[in-house]
Amino acid sequence: MLVKDFMIREVYVARPDFTLKEILRTLIENKVGGVPVVDEHDKLLGMVTDGDILRYLTPAEEAIKGYFTYITVIPGEELDEKVRSKMNDKASQIIKNKRITKLSPEDPLDEMIKVLSKHHFKKIPVVDKDDKVVGIISRGDALRALYKEFVHKLE
């Protein structure tokens, strides 16, 4: 069984210039927990997930910084202030510039399970040989595939 056999093919995406407000609207209206961020050629640039957004919007707590004899108190933020100030931030500001974990449609089921469990991601983009997004895999998809491949056959 390969990733292409059970990946979700209808993928909602964001562009780097999408605002946080637009990304939130996409997640809520389509009842999805994350979107790949792609360029104008649909090449994968990164992912923005519900967890990324929550971490991005977490208000900073009050902090005290000491610099030898000078002490600075940096005030905390209120949630409403933080949300209002970040709604027009772009997807490119939210995605992390680290190596993107992705799968190929031709990857076997066991490779997908390894990737999902090793990295603790809830969703993984699926890309073709040109790095274009062709699908997405979630933990739920993995469980359904495991059930179909192994458990259901035993019944």
C-alpha atoms as a PDB file:
ATOM      1  CA  MET A   1       0.000   0.000   0.000  1.00  0.00           C
ATOM      2  CA  LEU A   2       1.403   3.382  -1.036  1.00  0.00           C
ATOM      3  CA  VAL A   3       0.780   6.952   0.122  1.00  0.00           C
ATOM      4  CA  LYS A   4      -1.064   7.696  -3.154  1.00  0.00           C
ATOM      5  CA  ASP A   5      -3.627   5.014  -2.261  1.00  0.00           C
ATOM      6  CA  PHE A   6      -5.041   6.975   0.666  1.00  0.00           C
ATOM      7  CA  MET A   7      -3.730  10.565   0.574  1.00  0.00           C
ATOM      8  CA  ILE A   8      -6.204  13.416   0.438  1.00  0.00           C
ATOM      9  CA  ARG A   9      -6.041  14.848  -3.067  1.00  0.00           C
ATOM     10  CA  GLU A  10      -8.211  17.921  -2.554  1.00  0.00           C
ATOM     11  CA  VAL A  11      -5.685  20.135  -0.793  1.00  0.00           C
ATOM     12  CA  TYR A  12      -6.386  23.680   0.348  1.00  0.00           C
ATOM     13  CA  VAL A  13      -3.239  25.777   0.048  1.00  0.00           C
ATOM     14  CA  ALA A  14      -1.962  29.189   1.045  1.00  0.00           C
ATOM     15  CA  ARG A  15       0.361  31.489  -0.852  1.00  0.00           C
ATOM     16  CA  PRO A  16       3.249  33.289   0.904  1.00  0.00           C
ATOM     17  CA  ASP A  17       1.358  36.596   0.740  1.00  0.00           C
ATOM     18  CA  PHE A  18      -1.839  35.230   2.345  1.00  0.00           C
ATOM     19  CA  THR A  19      -2.577  37.000   5.606  1.00  0.00           C
ATOM     20  CA  LEU A  20      -3.109  35.167   8.858  1.00  0.00           C
ATOM     21  CA  LYS A  21      -6.757  36.196   8.611  1.00  0.00           C
ATOM     22  CA  GLU A  22      -7.057  34.509   5.184  1.00  0.00           C
ATOM     23  CA  ILE A  23      -5.342  31.367   6.443  1.00  0.00           C
ATOM     24  CA  LEU A  24      -7.641  31.183   9.466  1.00  0.00           C
ATOM     25  CA  ARG A  25     -10.669  31.587   7.200  1.00  0.00           C
ATOM     26  CA  THR A  26      -9.414  28.723   4.989  1.00  0.00           C
ATOM     27  CA  LEU A  27      -8.883  26.423   7.989  1.00  0.00           C
ATOM     28  CA  ILE A  28     -12.247  27.196   9.587  1.00  0.00           C
ATOM     29  CA  GLU A  29     -14.409  27.188   6.451  1.00  0.00           C
ATOM     30  CA  ASN A  30     -12.907  23.946   5.159  1.00  0.00           C
ATOM     31  CA  LYS A  31     -12.565  22.238   8.553  1.00  0.00           C
ATOM     32  CA  VAL A  32      -8.877  21.436   8.065  1.00  0.00           C
ATOM     33  CA  GLY A  33      -6.020  21.688  10.541  1.00  0.00           C
ATOM     34  CA  GLY A  34      -3.288  22.933   8.245  1.00  0.00           C
ATOM     35  CA  VAL A  35      -2.391  24.093   4.766  1.00  0.00           C
ATOM     36  CA  PRO A  36       0.733  23.792   2.661  1.00  0.00           C
ATOM     37  CA  VAL A  37       2.202  27.143   1.627  1.00  0.00           C
ATOM     38  CA  VAL A  38       3.059  27.036  -2.075  1.00  0.00           C
ATOM     39  CA  ASP A  39       4.522  29.397  -4.657  1.00  0.00           C
ATOM     40  CA  GLU A  40       2.883  30.408  -7.954  1.00  0.00           C
ATOM     41  CA  HIS A  41       3.970  27.055  -9.474  1.00  0.00           C
ATOM     42  CA  ASP A  42       2.453  25.080  -6.567  1.00  0.00           C
ATOM     43  CA  LYS A  43       5.912  24.163  -5.254  1.00  0.00           C
ATOM     44  CA  LEU A  44       6.009  23.542  -1.524  1.00  0.00           C
ATOM     45  CA  LEU A  45       7.499  26.309   0.629  1.00  0.00           C
ATOM     46  CA  GLY A  46       6.264  25.160   4.040  1.00  0.00           C
ATOM     47  CA  MET A  47       3.226  24.335   6.160  1.00  0.00           C
ATOM     48  CA  VAL A  48       1.019  26.396   8.433  1.00  0.00           C
ATOM     49  CA  THR A  49      -0.963  24.317  10.922  1.00  0.00           C
ATOM     50  CA  ASP A  50      -3.458  25.148  13.632  1.00  0.00           C
ATOM     51  CA  GLY A  51      -0.681  24.529  16.180  1.00  0.00           C
ATOM     52  CA  ASP A  52       1.661  26.954  14.399  1.00  0.00           C
ATOM     53  CA  ILE A  53      -1.029  29.631  14.528  1.00  0.00           C
ATOM     54  CA  LEU A  54      -1.752  29.075  18.215  1.00  0.00           C
ATOM     55  CA  ARG A  55       1.953  29.311  19.030  1.00  0.00           C
ATOM     56  CA  TYR A  56       2.286  32.421  16.839  1.00  0.00           C
ATOM     57  CA  LEU A  57      -0.604  34.129  18.637  1.00  0.00           C
ATOM     58  CA  THR A  58       0.404  33.202  22.189  1.00  0.00           C
ATOM     59  CA  PRO A  59       0.810  36.473  24.103  1.00  0.00           C
ATOM     60  CA  ALA A  60       4.245  37.163  25.520  1.00  0.00           C
ATOM     61  CA  GLU A  61       4.455  37.134  29.298  1.00  0.00           C
ATOM     62  CA  GLU A  62       6.047  39.911  31.275  1.00  0.00           C
ATOM     63  CA  ALA A  63       9.825  39.553  31.332  1.00  0.00           C
ATOM     64  CA  ILE A  64      12.577  41.147  33.347  1.00  0.00           C
ATOM     65  CA  LYS A  65      15.932  41.593  31.630  1.00  0.00           C
ATOM     66  CA  GLY A  66      19.032  42.506  33.583  1.00  0.00           C
ATOM     67  CA  TYR A  67      21.980  44.190  31.902  1.00  0.00           C
ATOM     68  CA  PHE A  68      24.645  44.572  34.603  1.00  0.00           C
ATOM     69  CA  THR A  69      23.245  47.548  36.545  1.00  0.00           C
ATOM     70  CA  TYR A  70      20.318  48.354  34.267  1.00  0.00           C
ATOM     71  CA  ILE A  71      17.056  46.420  34.609  1.00  0.00           C
ATOM     72  CA  THR A  72      14.310  46.488  31.990  1.00  0.00           C
ATOM     73  CA  VAL A  73      10.771  45.263  32.504  1.00  0.00           C
ATOM     74  CA  ILE A  74       9.191  44.168  29.255  1.00  0.00           C
ATOM     75  CA  PRO A  75       5.413  44.195  29.699  1.00  0.00           C
ATOM     76  CA  GLY A  76       3.331  41.183  28.746  1.00  0.00           C
ATOM     77  CA  GLU A  77       0.704  41.179  26.026  1.00  0.00           C
ATOM     78  CA  GLU A  78      -3.027  40.630  26.131  1.00  0.00           C
ATOM     79  CA  LEU A  79      -4.459  38.025  23.758  1.00  0.00           C
ATOM     80  CA  ASP A  80      -6.779  40.477  21.996  1.00  0.00           C
ATOM     81  CA  GLU A  81      -3.880  42.897  21.377  1.00  0.00           C
ATOM     82  CA  LYS A  82      -1.693  40.128  19.986  1.00  0.00           C
ATOM     83  CA  VAL A  83      -4.423  38.775  17.688  1.00  0.00           C
ATOM     84  CA  ARG A  84      -5.327  42.223  16.344  1.00  0.00           C
ATOM     85  CA  SER A  85      -1.686  43.085  15.709  1.00  0.00           C
ATOM     86  CA  LYS A  86      -0.962  39.812  13.839  1.00  0.00           C
ATOM     87  CA  MET A  87      -4.016  39.357  11.588  1.00  0.00           C
ATOM     88  CA  ASN A  88      -2.332  40.991   8.592  1.00  0.00           C
ATOM     89  CA  ASP A  89       0.975  39.139   8.997  1.00  0.00           C
ATOM     90  CA  LYS A  90       1.835  37.038   5.949  1.00  0.00           C
ATOM     91  CA  ALA A  91       2.138  33.259   5.721  1.00  0.00           C
ATOM     92  CA  SER A  92       5.807  33.761   4.911  1.00  0.00           C
ATOM     93  CA  GLN A  93       6.261  35.256   8.403  1.00  0.00           C
ATOM     94  CA  ILE A  94       4.570  32.309  10.104  1.00  0.00           C
ATOM     95  CA  ILE A  95       6.211  29.347   8.380  1.00  0.00           C
ATOM     96  CA  LYS A  96       9.502  28.233   9.795  1.00  0.00           C
ATOM     97  CA  ASN A  97      12.542  28.208   7.534  1.00  0.00           C
ATOM     98  CA  LYS A  98      13.586  24.735   8.489  1.00  0.00           C
ATOM     99  CA  ARG A  99      13.747  21.583   6.455  1.00  0.00           C
ATOM    100  CA  ILE A 100      10.289  20.626   5.278  1.00  0.00           C
ATOM    101  CA  THR A 101       9.157  17.093   6.022  1.00  0.00           C
ATOM    102  CA  LYS A 102       7.263  15.679   3.073  1.00  0.00           C
ATOM    103  CA  LEU A 103       6.295  12.409   1.462  1.00  0.00           C
ATOM    104  CA  SER A 104       6.077  11.125  -2.102  1.00  0.00           C
ATOM    105  CA  PRO A 105       2.938   9.473  -3.515  1.00  0.00           C
ATOM    106  CA  GLU A 106       5.120   6.397  -4.124  1.00  0.00           C
ATOM    107  CA  ASP A 107       6.273   6.074  -0.497  1.00  0.00           C
ATOM    108  CA  PRO A 108       5.086   2.882   1.224  1.00  0.00           C
ATOM    109  CA  LEU A 109       2.772   2.844   4.231  1.00  0.00           C
ATOM    110  CA  ASP A 110       5.566   1.980   6.656  1.00  0.00           C
ATOM    111  CA  GLU A 111       7.605   5.042   5.585  1.00  0.00           C
ATOM    112  CA  MET A 112       4.601   7.290   6.212  1.00  0.00           C
ATOM    113  CA  ILE A 113       4.100   5.772   9.671  1.00  0.00           C
ATOM    114  CA  LYS A 114       7.797   6.324  10.492  1.00  0.00           C
ATOM    115  CA  VAL A 115       7.660   9.970   9.395  1.00  0.00           C
ATOM    116  CA  LEU A 116       4.433  10.752  11.274  1.00  0.00           C
ATOM    117  CA  SER A 117       5.621   9.102  14.481  1.00  0.00           C
ATOM    118  CA  LYS A 118       9.202  10.403  14.398  1.00  0.00           C
ATOM    119  CA  HIS A 119       8.367  14.056  13.846  1.00  0.00           C
ATOM    120  CA  HIS A 120       5.069  14.174  15.770  1.00  0.00           C
ATOM    121  CA  PHE A 121       3.391  16.018  12.897  1.00  0.00           C
ATOM    122  CA  LYS A 122      -0.363  15.779  12.430  1.00  0.00           C
ATOM    123  CA  LYS A 123      -0.188  16.475   8.699  1.00  0.00           C
ATOM    124  CA  ILE A 124       2.454  15.890   6.048  1.00  0.00           C
ATOM    125  CA  PRO A 125       2.353  17.330   2.517  1.00  0.00           C
ATOM    126  CA  VAL A 126       2.728  14.891  -0.374  1.00  0.00           C
ATOM    127  CA  VAL A 127       4.757  16.192  -3.311  1.00  0.00           C
ATOM    128  CA  ASP A 128       5.649  14.891  -6.755  1.00  0.00           C
ATOM    129  CA  LYS A 129       9.178  14.702  -8.207  1.00  0.00           C
ATOM    130  CA  ASP A 130       9.043  18.445  -9.026  1.00  0.00           C
ATOM    131  CA  ASP A 131       8.168  19.298  -5.390  1.00  0.00           C
ATOM    132  CA  LYS A 132       4.608  20.273  -6.346  1.00  0.00           C
ATOM    133  CA  VAL A 133       1.921  19.540  -3.767  1.00  0.00           C
ATOM    134  CA  VAL A 134      -0.337  16.709  -4.940  1.00  0.00           C
ATOM    135  CA  GLY A 135      -1.859  15.636  -1.638  1.00  0.00           C
ATOM    136  CA  ILE A 136      -1.722  15.655   2.119  1.00  0.00           C
ATOM    137  CA  ILE A 137      -1.628  12.886   4.729  1.00  0.00           C
ATOM    138  CA  SER A 138      -2.898  13.153   8.292  1.00  0.00           C
ATOM    139  CA  ARG A 139      -2.615  10.888  11.308  1.00  0.00           C
ATOM    140  CA  GLY A 140      -6.241   9.915  10.769  1.00  0.00           C
ATOM    141  CA  ASP A 141      -5.462   8.870   7.202  1.00  0.00           C
ATOM    142  CA  ALA A 142      -2.601   6.739   8.539  1.00  0.00           C
ATOM    143  CA  LEU A 143      -4.880   5.019  11.047  1.00  0.00           C
ATOM    144  CA  ARG A 144      -7.521   4.331   8.378  1.00  0.00           C
ATOM    145  CA  ALA A 145      -4.838   2.865   6.098  1.00  0.00           C
ATOM    146  CA  LEU A 146      -3.492   0.653   8.905  1.00  0.00           C
ATOM    147  CA  TYR A 147      -6.989  -0.554   9.707  1.00  0.00           C
ATOM    148  CA  LYS A 148      -7.813  -1.257   6.073  1.00  0.00           C
ATOM    149  CA  GLU A 149      -4.501  -3.011   5.383  1.00  0.00           C
ATOM    150  CA  PHE A 150      -4.167  -5.082   8.546  1.00  0.00           C
ATOM    151  CA  VAL A 151      -7.091  -5.093  10.975  1.00  0.00           C
ATOM    152  CA  HIS A 152     -10.026  -5.280   8.563  1.00  0.00           C
ATOM    153  CA  LYS A 153      -8.468  -8.280   6.802  1.00  0.00           C
ATOM    154  CA  LEU A 154      -8.404 -10.199  10.089  1.00  0.00           C
ATOM    155  CA  GLU A 155     -12.141  -9.861  10.670  1.00  0.00           C
END
